[in-house]
Amino acid sequence: MTVLLYLVPLALFLGLVGLLGFLWSLRSGQYEDLDGAALRVLDDTDVERKSG
């Protein structure tokens, strides 16, 4: 039972770190262009074409 004295605060701390990371990603604009990422998958301009 004494292990809970370590695990509960550790879980709360890691949850807070995850929440802060998510909020940072929202503020830095990581989720602004969702359509661009979906269309970028279909773009093949960086693929070399084989002639022959």
Protein backbone atom coordinates (compact mmCIF):
# COMPACT_ATOMS: atom_id res chain seq x y z
CA MET A 1 0.00 0.00 0.00
CA THR A 2 2.86 2.40 0.54
CA VAL A 3 3.70 2.16 -3.14
CA LEU A 4 0.56 4.21 -3.79
CA LEU A 5 2.20 7.12 -2.01
CA TYR A 6 4.71 7.18 -4.88
CA LEU A 7 2.55 6.14 -7.81
CA VAL A 8 -0.40 8.50 -7.35
CA PRO A 9 1.70 11.70 -7.31
CA LEU A 10 3.80 10.34 -10.16
CA ALA A 11 0.67 9.65 -12.24
CA LEU A 12 -0.68 13.12 -11.48
CA PHE A 13 2.62 14.71 -12.42
CA LEU A 14 2.85 12.81 -15.71
CA GLY A 15 -0.76 13.69 -16.50
CA LEU A 16 0.02 17.36 -15.87
CA VAL A 17 3.09 17.16 -18.12
CA GLY A 18 0.97 15.61 -20.87
CA LEU A 19 -1.69 18.29 -20.48
CA LEU A 20 0.91 21.05 -20.62
CA GLY A 21 2.44 19.49 -23.73
CA PHE A 22 -0.97 19.36 -25.39
CA LEU A 23 -1.72 22.98 -24.50
CA TRP A 24 1.69 24.03 -25.83
CA SER A 25 0.97 22.26 -29.12
CA LEU A 26 -2.38 24.05 -29.39
CA ARG A 27 -0.78 27.45 -28.83
CA SER A 28 2.07 26.83 -31.25
CA GLY A 29 -0.33 26.04 -34.11
CA GLN A 30 0.29 22.31 -34.55
CA TYR A 31 -3.37 21.70 -35.43
CA GLU A 32 -3.98 24.69 -37.72
CA ASP A 33 -3.64 23.04 -41.15
CA LEU A 34 -5.28 19.63 -40.99
CA ASP A 35 -6.22 19.55 -44.68
CA GLY A 36 -2.70 20.38 -45.83
CA ALA A 37 -1.28 17.34 -44.06
CA ALA A 38 -3.93 15.11 -45.61
CA LEU A 39 -3.18 16.39 -49.11
CA ARG A 40 0.58 16.28 -48.62
CA VAL A 41 0.38 12.48 -48.44
CA LEU A 42 -0.96 12.39 -51.99
CA ASP A 43 1.72 14.68 -53.42
CA ASP A 44 4.37 12.77 -55.35
CA THR A 45 6.60 15.60 -56.55
CA ASP A 46 9.58 14.28 -54.58
CA VAL A 47 9.47 10.84 -56.23
CA GLU A 48 11.86 10.29 -59.11
CA ARG A 49 10.23 8.99 -62.26
CA LYS A 50 11.88 6.03 -63.96
CA SER A 51 12.23 6.52 -67.67
CA GLY A 52 12.41 3.44 -69.70
